[in-house]
Amino acid sequence: MDYKSFLKKYWPAIAILIIIILSIYVRTIDYRWPYLRNIDSYTFYRQMDEIVANGGVMPSFDNLMLAPDGAPRKVELFPYQYLGAYSYMFVRIFADIQLWQWLIYLPAILASLMAIPMYYIGKILYDRRAGVLAAFFVVFDISNISRTLGGDPDSDAIVLLFPLIVMAVFLFTYKYIEKEKLNKKAILFSIITGILLGLWGHIWVGYWYVIWLITGMIILKFLIDYMRTKNLRQEWQNIKHIIYSYIIMIVIMSLILVPFFGLSKIANAFTGPIEFQDIKKDTSIMSGEKTIFPNVYVSVAELQESGGIKDIILRTTTLQGPLLFISPFFLMIYALIYLLYSYYKKKQHLDTAILLLIWFLGPLLATIIAVRFTVLFSAPMAIGSAIILTKLWRMARGEDEKFED
């Protein structure tokens, strides 16, 4: 194989590797302080340090909670804390490094690894070029960089990375079942997706938004196809294997979550968007709620309401004035217009249009309630921007003759 054939075949892998290396460099460049960046980082540092000091197991009792008495820890899996602790125990085999020093690099590495699942999401939804562009855009999104800098081992990096892994595996499973139906491999892929969903439920309280992405995509796809054919039996035959796979995912997820959180955790997966509106509810004893601590979300600056759609758009880009119309937010909207038009004219890209639409509307509604959730826009903006730019490139090169192709 000559070098041209090699580059033609493997250029996406080379591009993703370069993106990851450059991303780690950007996030850690000139970090020269002998401490971590913020208080939350030290909370995770302490928990990881306790795992390392306790022979690789999180202590069941937290001596520093409710001082001076301490308190039992909640029984959870603590995926992020174990990842940080065990990755450090592995790294220190090869390098003389302290835990806090390793935590300078961990968030940068995790955030940079977003490029891998995002590439596969873009590739599945459109093509390889869109995958590479989407990987670049999500890794170098300004809001993502600001939350995943070196020396800031808060949970943001894993919260941004893990849902992309879940969605990449789900989409792979979804497309596989469309071709091969529910065979043994499809069942295995469904189980893996369910396991990832269960772990995701242990990582972030807002885990439900991925459940809604998956559920919404399946339901909307079925409804749109049914409205087109008016044949319920035919559409059930077309989608039943996806439904069976979805049930497997939810069952496996439940087996991982229910023993730790009870059935309410599963119910919350579907009622989360409704309950989310009460995130800043007063839960202090004075309000009649018998809780030890007041609801700190009431005063967290990032959880204040946004100033409307314009404010949300401005928070997702540094562009101003007329340039806003070529910002990632608007590129995503242009991509939606293209995808919907393509489906209208040629009945293609329906899955991509549905998923991108849900992925756009979800963060939009969440950000209206709390500005902190503009970070959730990074993934759909990256995908949408990548798709529309790839489309324009294909038209410029003559690969596509018409806009709807």
Protein backbone atom coordinates (compact mmCIF):
# COMPACT_ATOMS: atom_id res chain seq x y z
CA MET A 1 0.00 0.00 0.00
CA ASP A 2 1.54 3.34 -1.08
CA TYR A 3 1.27 6.43 1.08
CA LYS A 4 -1.60 7.91 -0.97
CA SER A 5 -3.71 4.80 -0.51
CA PHE A 6 -2.77 4.73 3.16
CA LEU A 7 -3.82 8.36 3.68
CA LYS A 8 -7.03 7.87 1.72
CA LYS A 9 -7.99 4.95 3.93
CA TYR A 10 -6.76 6.11 7.32
CA TRP A 11 -6.91 9.92 7.15
CA PRO A 12 -9.86 10.11 9.60
CA ALA A 13 -7.92 8.15 12.25
CA ILE A 14 -4.87 10.38 11.71
CA ALA A 15 -7.03 13.51 11.93
CA ILE A 16 -8.71 12.33 15.16
CA LEU A 17 -5.33 11.54 16.72
CA ILE A 18 -4.05 15.02 15.84
CA ILE A 19 -7.22 16.60 17.26
CA ILE A 20 -6.81 14.68 20.55
CA ILE A 21 -3.13 15.59 20.95
CA LEU A 22 -3.75 19.26 20.10
CA SER A 23 -6.71 19.38 22.48
CA ILE A 24 -4.68 18.02 25.40
CA TYR A 25 -1.94 20.53 24.62
CA VAL A 26 -4.35 23.49 24.51
CA ARG A 27 -5.94 22.52 27.82
CA THR A 28 -2.67 22.03 29.71
CA ILE A 29 -0.36 24.61 28.13
CA ASP A 30 1.55 26.70 30.67
CA TYR A 31 -0.12 25.11 33.70
CA ARG A 32 2.46 25.96 36.36
CA TRP A 33 0.58 26.12 39.67
CA PRO A 34 1.15 23.58 42.48
CA TYR A 35 -2.58 23.23 43.16
CA LEU A 36 -5.91 22.50 41.44
CA ARG A 37 -8.21 25.20 40.11
CA ASN A 38 -11.34 25.16 42.30
CA ILE A 39 -13.09 23.81 45.39
CA ASP A 40 -15.18 21.20 43.56
CA SER A 41 -11.99 19.76 42.10
CA TYR A 42 -10.71 19.11 45.62
CA THR A 43 -13.92 17.28 46.52
CA PHE A 44 -13.28 14.76 43.74
CA TYR A 45 -9.56 14.75 44.55
CA ARG A 46 -10.32 13.80 48.17
CA GLN A 47 -12.62 10.96 47.14
CA MET A 48 -10.10 9.60 44.64
CA ASP A 49 -7.34 9.90 47.23
CA GLU A 50 -9.43 7.91 49.72
CA ILE A 51 -9.89 5.14 47.14
CA VAL A 52 -6.14 4.99 46.54
CA ALA A 53 -5.34 5.01 50.27
CA ASN A 54 -8.02 2.41 51.03
CA GLY A 55 -6.65 -0.27 48.74
CA GLY A 56 -8.75 0.65 45.71
CA VAL A 57 -12.14 0.80 47.44
CA MET A 58 -14.20 3.86 48.34
CA PRO A 59 -14.55 4.00 52.17
CA SER A 60 -18.13 3.45 53.29
CA PHE A 61 -17.86 6.22 55.90
CA ASP A 62 -17.05 9.87 55.18
CA ASN A 63 -15.22 11.34 58.18
CA LEU A 64 -15.50 14.92 56.91
CA MET A 65 -19.24 14.96 56.26
CA LEU A 66 -21.46 16.49 58.99
CA ALA A 67 -18.35 17.31 61.04
CA PRO A 68 -17.30 16.36 63.60
CA ASP A 69 -19.36 13.15 63.51
CA GLY A 70 -18.99 12.07 59.90
CA ALA A 71 -21.67 10.20 57.97
CA PRO A 72 -22.11 6.98 55.99
CA ARG A 73 -21.62 7.38 52.26
CA LYS A 74 -24.43 6.67 49.88
CA VAL A 75 -24.05 3.30 48.21
CA GLU A 76 -23.23 4.15 44.60
CA LEU A 77 -20.78 3.00 41.93
CA PHE A 78 -18.82 6.31 41.78
CA PRO A 79 -17.58 5.67 38.20
CA TYR A 80 -15.69 8.95 37.85
CA GLN A 81 -13.95 8.69 41.21
CA TYR A 82 -12.85 5.12 40.50
CA LEU A 83 -11.70 6.08 37.02
CA GLY A 84 -9.53 8.85 38.44
CA ALA A 85 -8.12 6.68 41.23
CA TYR A 86 -7.37 3.59 39.14
CA SER A 87 -5.95 5.55 36.22
CA TYR A 88 -3.60 7.22 38.70
CA MET A 89 -2.58 3.89 40.23
CA PHE A 90 -1.75 2.69 36.72
CA VAL A 91 0.16 5.82 35.71
CA ARG A 92 2.30 5.87 38.86
CA ILE A 93 3.74 2.49 37.85
CA PHE A 94 5.59 4.29 35.07
CA ALA A 95 6.08 7.78 36.53
CA ASP A 96 6.87 9.28 39.93
CA ILE A 97 3.77 11.44 40.17
CA GLN A 98 1.34 12.47 42.89
CA LEU A 99 -2.43 12.20 42.52
CA TRP A 100 -3.02 15.95 42.31
CA GLN A 101 -0.43 16.17 39.52
CA TRP A 102 -2.20 13.43 37.55
CA LEU A 103 -5.48 15.31 37.99
CA ILE A 104 -3.98 18.21 36.06
CA TYR A 105 -4.02 16.00 32.97
CA LEU A 106 -7.07 13.79 33.56
CA PRO A 107 -9.80 16.33 32.64
CA ALA A 108 -7.86 17.42 29.56
CA ILE A 109 -7.48 13.81 28.42
CA LEU A 110 -11.13 12.90 29.04
CA ALA A 111 -12.39 16.01 27.25
CA SER A 112 -10.07 15.36 24.31
CA LEU A 113 -11.35 11.79 24.00
CA MET A 114 -14.75 13.26 23.08
CA ALA A 115 -13.33 13.35 19.56
CA ILE A 116 -13.61 9.56 19.20
CA PRO A 117 -17.32 8.98 19.91
CA MET A 118 -18.24 12.24 18.19
CA TYR A 119 -16.44 11.10 15.04
CA TYR A 120 -18.50 7.93 14.97
CA ILE A 121 -21.72 9.84 15.63
CA GLY A 122 -21.00 12.19 12.72
CA LYS A 123 -19.96 9.29 10.50
CA ILE A 124 -23.12 7.29 11.27
CA LEU A 125 -25.43 10.27 10.85
CA TYR A 126 -23.77 11.62 7.67
CA ASP A 127 -20.24 10.68 6.54
CA ARG A 128 -16.58 10.49 7.59
CA ARG A 129 -15.81 14.12 6.83
CA ALA A 130 -18.73 15.26 8.96
CA GLY A 131 -17.46 12.97 11.72
CA VAL A 132 -14.00 14.53 11.71
CA LEU A 133 -15.40 18.06 11.64
CA ALA A 134 -17.85 17.29 14.44
CA ALA A 135 -15.01 15.84 16.52
CA PHE A 136 -12.97 19.01 16.00
CA PHE A 137 -15.87 21.33 16.79
CA VAL A 138 -16.96 19.59 20.00
CA VAL A 139 -13.44 19.30 21.41
CA PHE A 140 -12.60 22.95 20.75
CA ASP A 141 -15.99 24.38 21.70
CA ILE A 142 -15.27 27.39 23.91
CA SER A 143 -17.68 26.43 26.69
CA ASN A 144 -16.27 22.89 26.72
CA ILE A 145 -12.69 24.11 26.94
CA SER A 146 -13.50 26.50 29.79
CA ARG A 147 -14.99 23.63 31.84
CA THR A 148 -12.33 21.01 31.11
CA LEU A 149 -9.04 22.84 31.52
CA GLY A 150 -6.04 21.08 32.95
CA GLY A 151 -6.02 21.16 36.74
CA ASP A 152 -9.82 21.21 36.99
CA PRO A 153 -10.88 17.61 37.69
CA ASP A 154 -14.50 18.53 38.34
CA SER A 155 -16.97 16.11 36.75
CA ASP A 156 -17.58 18.24 33.63
CA ALA A 157 -15.17 16.28 31.42
CA ILE A 158 -16.75 12.91 32.14
CA VAL A 159 -20.25 14.45 31.93
CA LEU A 160 -19.44 15.71 28.43
CA LEU A 161 -17.66 12.54 27.28
CA PHE A 162 -19.91 9.77 28.53
CA PRO A 163 -23.20 10.70 26.81
CA LEU A 164 -21.33 10.83 23.51
CA ILE A 165 -20.09 7.29 24.14
CA VAL A 166 -23.65 6.18 24.94
CA MET A 167 -25.08 7.83 21.83
CA ALA A 168 -22.34 6.46 19.57
CA VAL A 169 -22.96 2.90 20.78
CA PHE A 170 -26.74 3.35 20.57
CA LEU A 171 -26.58 4.66 16.99
CA PHE A 172 -24.30 1.80 15.99
CA THR A 173 -26.79 -0.65 17.52
CA TYR A 174 -29.73 1.13 15.89
CA LYS A 175 -28.20 1.04 12.40
CA TYR A 176 -27.08 -2.57 12.84
CA ILE A 177 -30.61 -3.68 13.77
CA GLU A 178 -32.06 -1.82 10.78
CA LYS A 179 -29.92 -4.05 8.55
CA GLU A 180 -29.68 -7.35 10.45
CA LYS A 181 -32.76 -7.32 12.72
CA LEU A 182 -32.48 -8.53 16.34
CA ASN A 183 -29.89 -11.30 16.08
CA LYS A 184 -27.40 -12.38 18.75
CA LYS A 185 -24.98 -9.55 17.96
CA ALA A 186 -27.79 -7.00 18.14
CA ILE A 187 -28.81 -8.33 21.56
CA LEU A 188 -25.19 -8.05 22.72
CA PHE A 189 -24.96 -4.47 21.44
CA SER A 190 -28.26 -3.65 23.18
CA ILE A 191 -26.93 -5.06 26.46
CA ILE A 192 -23.75 -2.99 26.14
CA THR A 193 -25.83 0.14 25.50
CA GLY A 194 -27.93 -0.65 28.58
CA ILE A 195 -24.81 -1.07 30.72
CA LEU A 196 -23.50 2.29 29.52
CA LEU A 197 -26.85 3.92 30.30
CA GLY A 198 -26.72 2.44 33.80
CA LEU A 199 -23.21 3.77 34.41
CA TRP A 200 -24.29 7.14 33.01
CA GLY A 201 -27.08 7.20 35.61
CA HIS A 202 -24.40 6.93 38.31
CA ILE A 203 -22.32 9.75 36.82
CA TRP A 204 -24.74 12.66 36.47
CA VAL A 205 -28.13 13.57 37.91
CA GLY A 206 -29.25 14.85 34.50
CA TYR A 207 -28.72 11.44 32.91
CA TRP A 208 -32.34 11.42 31.76
CA TYR A 209 -31.69 13.71 28.80
CA VAL A 210 -29.94 10.88 26.93
CA ILE A 211 -32.91 8.60 27.64
CA TRP A 212 -35.16 11.24 26.12
CA LEU A 213 -32.92 11.54 23.07
CA ILE A 214 -33.13 7.81 22.42
CA THR A 215 -36.82 7.48 23.27
CA GLY A 216 -37.79 10.57 21.30
CA MET A 217 -35.87 9.45 18.23
CA ILE A 218 -37.60 6.05 18.18
CA ILE A 219 -41.10 7.45 18.79
CA LEU A 220 -40.82 10.27 16.25
CA LYS A 221 -39.38 7.94 13.62
CA PHE A 222 -42.34 5.59 14.08
CA LEU A 223 -44.94 8.39 14.00
CA ILE A 224 -43.50 10.04 10.89
CA ASP A 225 -43.29 6.75 9.02
CA TYR A 226 -46.83 5.88 10.08
CA MET A 227 -48.19 9.23 8.91
CA ARG A 228 -46.51 8.61 5.57
CA THR A 229 -47.81 5.06 5.00
CA LYS A 230 -50.97 4.95 7.17
CA ASN A 231 -50.17 1.26 7.67
CA LEU A 232 -49.79 0.46 11.37
CA ARG A 233 -48.99 -3.22 10.87
CA GLN A 234 -46.27 -2.49 8.33
CA GLU A 235 -44.63 0.15 10.49
CA TRP A 236 -44.74 -2.14 13.52
CA GLN A 237 -42.92 -4.79 11.51
CA ASN A 238 -40.35 -2.18 10.53
CA ILE A 239 -39.69 -0.94 14.05
CA LYS A 240 -40.43 -3.89 16.33
CA HIS A 241 -36.80 -5.04 16.48
CA ILE A 242 -35.73 -1.53 17.52
CA ILE A 243 -38.42 -1.58 20.23
CA TYR A 244 -37.22 -4.96 21.50
CA SER A 245 -33.67 -3.61 21.60
CA TYR A 246 -34.88 -0.51 23.46
CA ILE A 247 -36.62 -2.69 26.06
CA ILE A 248 -33.39 -4.66 26.58
CA MET A 249 -31.49 -1.40 27.11
CA ILE A 250 -33.96 -0.10 29.69
CA VAL A 251 -34.06 -3.43 31.56
CA ILE A 252 -30.25 -3.62 31.77
CA MET A 253 -30.07 0.03 32.82
CA SER A 254 -32.67 -0.64 35.51
CA LEU A 255 -30.72 -3.61 36.87
CA ILE A 256 -27.73 -1.31 37.38
CA LEU A 257 -29.66 1.63 38.88
CA VAL A 258 -32.50 0.16 40.95
CA PRO A 259 -30.32 -1.66 43.56
CA PHE A 260 -28.68 1.67 44.41
CA PHE A 261 -31.41 4.26 43.91
CA GLY A 262 -34.70 2.37 43.85
CA LEU A 263 -37.44 2.49 41.24
CA SER A 264 -37.69 6.28 41.51
CA LYS A 265 -34.47 6.56 39.51
CA ILE A 266 -36.10 4.78 36.57
CA ALA A 267 -39.24 6.89 36.85
CA ASN A 268 -37.03 9.99 36.91
CA ALA A 269 -35.52 8.94 33.59
CA PHE A 270 -38.87 9.74 32.01
CA THR A 271 -40.14 12.50 34.32
CA GLY A 272 -36.79 14.30 34.58
CA PRO A 273 -37.64 17.19 32.24
CA ILE A 274 -40.81 17.91 34.24
CA GLU A 275 -39.13 17.69 37.66
CA PHE A 276 -36.14 19.64 36.35
CA GLN A 277 -38.24 22.80 36.35
CA ASP A 278 -38.23 22.64 40.18
CA ILE A 279 -34.44 22.49 40.40
CA LYS A 280 -34.37 25.78 42.32
CA LYS A 281 -37.22 24.90 44.67
CA ASP A 282 -36.74 26.00 48.28
CA THR A 283 -36.02 22.82 50.27
CA SER A 284 -34.85 24.35 53.54
CA ILE A 285 -36.44 23.47 56.87
CA MET A 286 -37.99 26.95 56.93
CA SER A 287 -39.89 26.08 53.73
CA GLY A 288 -41.47 23.04 55.36
CA GLU A 289 -39.14 20.53 53.67
CA LYS A 290 -37.38 18.44 56.32
CA THR A 291 -33.89 18.45 54.81
CA ILE A 292 -30.56 19.06 56.51
CA PHE A 293 -29.27 21.50 53.92
CA PRO A 294 -31.01 24.23 51.90
CA ASN A 295 -31.17 23.89 48.12
CA VAL A 296 -27.91 25.49 46.99
CA TYR A 297 -29.16 25.55 43.40
CA VAL A 298 -31.26 28.58 44.37
CA SER A 299 -28.16 30.77 44.57
CA VAL A 300 -25.79 29.15 42.05
CA ALA A 301 -25.05 31.81 39.42
CA GLU A 302 -24.91 29.30 36.56
CA LEU A 303 -28.44 28.14 37.37
CA GLN A 304 -30.04 31.53 36.97
CA GLU A 305 -32.55 31.92 34.16
CA SER A 306 -31.31 33.07 30.77
CA GLY A 307 -32.29 36.36 29.20
CA GLY A 308 -34.07 34.69 26.30
CA ILE A 309 -33.10 33.17 22.95
CA LYS A 310 -30.68 35.96 22.04
CA ASP A 311 -28.83 35.56 25.32
CA ILE A 312 -28.60 31.80 24.75
CA ILE A 313 -27.17 32.30 21.25
CA LEU A 314 -24.56 34.77 22.52
CA ARG A 315 -23.46 32.30 25.17
CA THR A 316 -22.67 29.69 22.52
CA THR A 317 -20.31 31.81 20.41
CA THR A 318 -17.86 34.69 20.45
CA LEU A 319 -19.17 36.06 17.15
CA GLN A 320 -21.10 39.32 17.22
CA GLY A 321 -23.35 41.33 14.92
CA PRO A 322 -24.04 39.95 11.43
CA LEU A 323 -21.43 37.24 12.00
CA LEU A 324 -23.88 35.60 14.39
CA PHE A 325 -25.61 34.17 11.33
CA ILE A 326 -22.58 31.98 10.61
CA SER A 327 -22.14 30.96 14.26
CA PRO A 328 -22.45 27.28 15.23
CA PHE A 329 -25.97 27.89 16.56
CA PHE A 330 -27.20 29.08 13.17
CA LEU A 331 -25.15 26.51 11.25
CA MET A 332 -27.03 23.88 13.24
CA ILE A 333 -30.34 25.44 12.19
CA TYR A 334 -29.22 25.51 8.55
CA ALA A 335 -28.33 21.83 8.86
CA LEU A 336 -31.81 21.06 10.19
CA ILE A 337 -33.36 22.92 7.25
CA TYR A 338 -31.20 20.96 4.81
CA LEU A 339 -31.96 17.59 6.44
CA LEU A 340 -35.72 18.20 6.57
CA TYR A 341 -35.73 19.44 2.97
CA SER A 342 -33.72 16.41 1.89
CA TYR A 343 -36.26 14.13 3.54
CA TYR A 344 -39.15 16.02 1.96
CA LYS A 345 -37.65 15.76 -1.54
CA LYS A 346 -35.84 12.41 -1.44
CA LYS A 347 -36.96 10.65 1.75
CA GLN A 348 -33.43 10.47 3.17
CA HIS A 349 -31.65 11.59 6.37
CA LEU A 350 -34.80 11.23 8.50
CA ASP A 351 -32.98 9.65 11.46
CA THR A 352 -30.36 12.39 11.41
CA ALA A 353 -32.96 15.15 11.22
CA ILE A 354 -35.01 13.71 14.09
CA LEU A 355 -32.05 13.19 16.40
CA LEU A 356 -30.55 16.61 15.70
CA LEU A 357 -33.93 18.29 16.22
CA ILE A 358 -34.46 16.64 19.62
CA TRP A 359 -30.83 17.27 20.59
CA PHE A 360 -31.37 20.94 19.73
CA LEU A 361 -34.72 21.49 21.47
CA GLY A 362 -33.71 19.71 24.70
CA PRO A 363 -30.76 21.97 25.57
CA LEU A 364 -32.74 25.00 24.40
CA LEU A 365 -35.52 24.35 26.92
CA ALA A 366 -33.01 23.47 29.66
CA THR A 367 -31.00 26.64 29.06
CA ILE A 368 -34.10 28.82 29.33
CA ILE A 369 -34.39 27.51 32.91
CA ALA A 370 -30.66 27.69 33.75
CA VAL A 371 -27.81 29.21 31.72
CA ARG A 372 -25.42 26.49 32.89
CA PHE A 373 -26.92 24.08 30.36
CA THR A 374 -25.67 25.98 27.32
CA VAL A 375 -22.85 23.44 27.55
CA LEU A 376 -25.31 20.81 26.27
CA PHE A 377 -25.49 22.72 22.98
CA SER A 378 -21.92 21.79 22.09
CA ALA A 379 -22.79 18.33 20.74
CA PRO A 380 -25.75 19.22 18.46
CA MET A 381 -23.98 22.38 17.31
CA ALA A 382 -20.88 20.36 16.43
CA ILE A 383 -22.93 17.78 14.52
CA GLY A 384 -25.10 20.34 12.73
CA SER A 385 -22.16 22.58 11.80
CA ALA A 386 -20.21 19.60 10.52
CA ILE A 387 -23.11 18.34 8.40
CA ILE A 388 -23.91 21.66 6.71
CA LEU A 389 -20.24 22.47 6.04
CA THR A 390 -19.66 18.98 4.65
CA LYS A 391 -22.75 19.40 2.47
CA LEU A 392 -21.44 22.70 1.09
CA TRP A 393 -18.05 21.08 0.44
CA ARG A 394 -19.68 18.21 -1.44
CA MET A 395 -21.64 20.65 -3.60
CA ALA A 396 -18.53 22.74 -4.28
CA ARG A 397 -16.65 19.63 -5.43
CA GLY A 398 -19.53 18.44 -7.57
CA GLU A 399 -20.19 15.33 -5.46
CA ASP A 400 -23.77 16.51 -4.91
CA GLU A 401 -25.60 18.25 -7.73
CA LYS A 402 -28.57 19.57 -5.77
CA PHE A 403 -29.12 20.87 -2.26
CA GLU A 404 -31.44 17.98 -1.41
CA ASP A 405 -28.97 15.27 -2.50
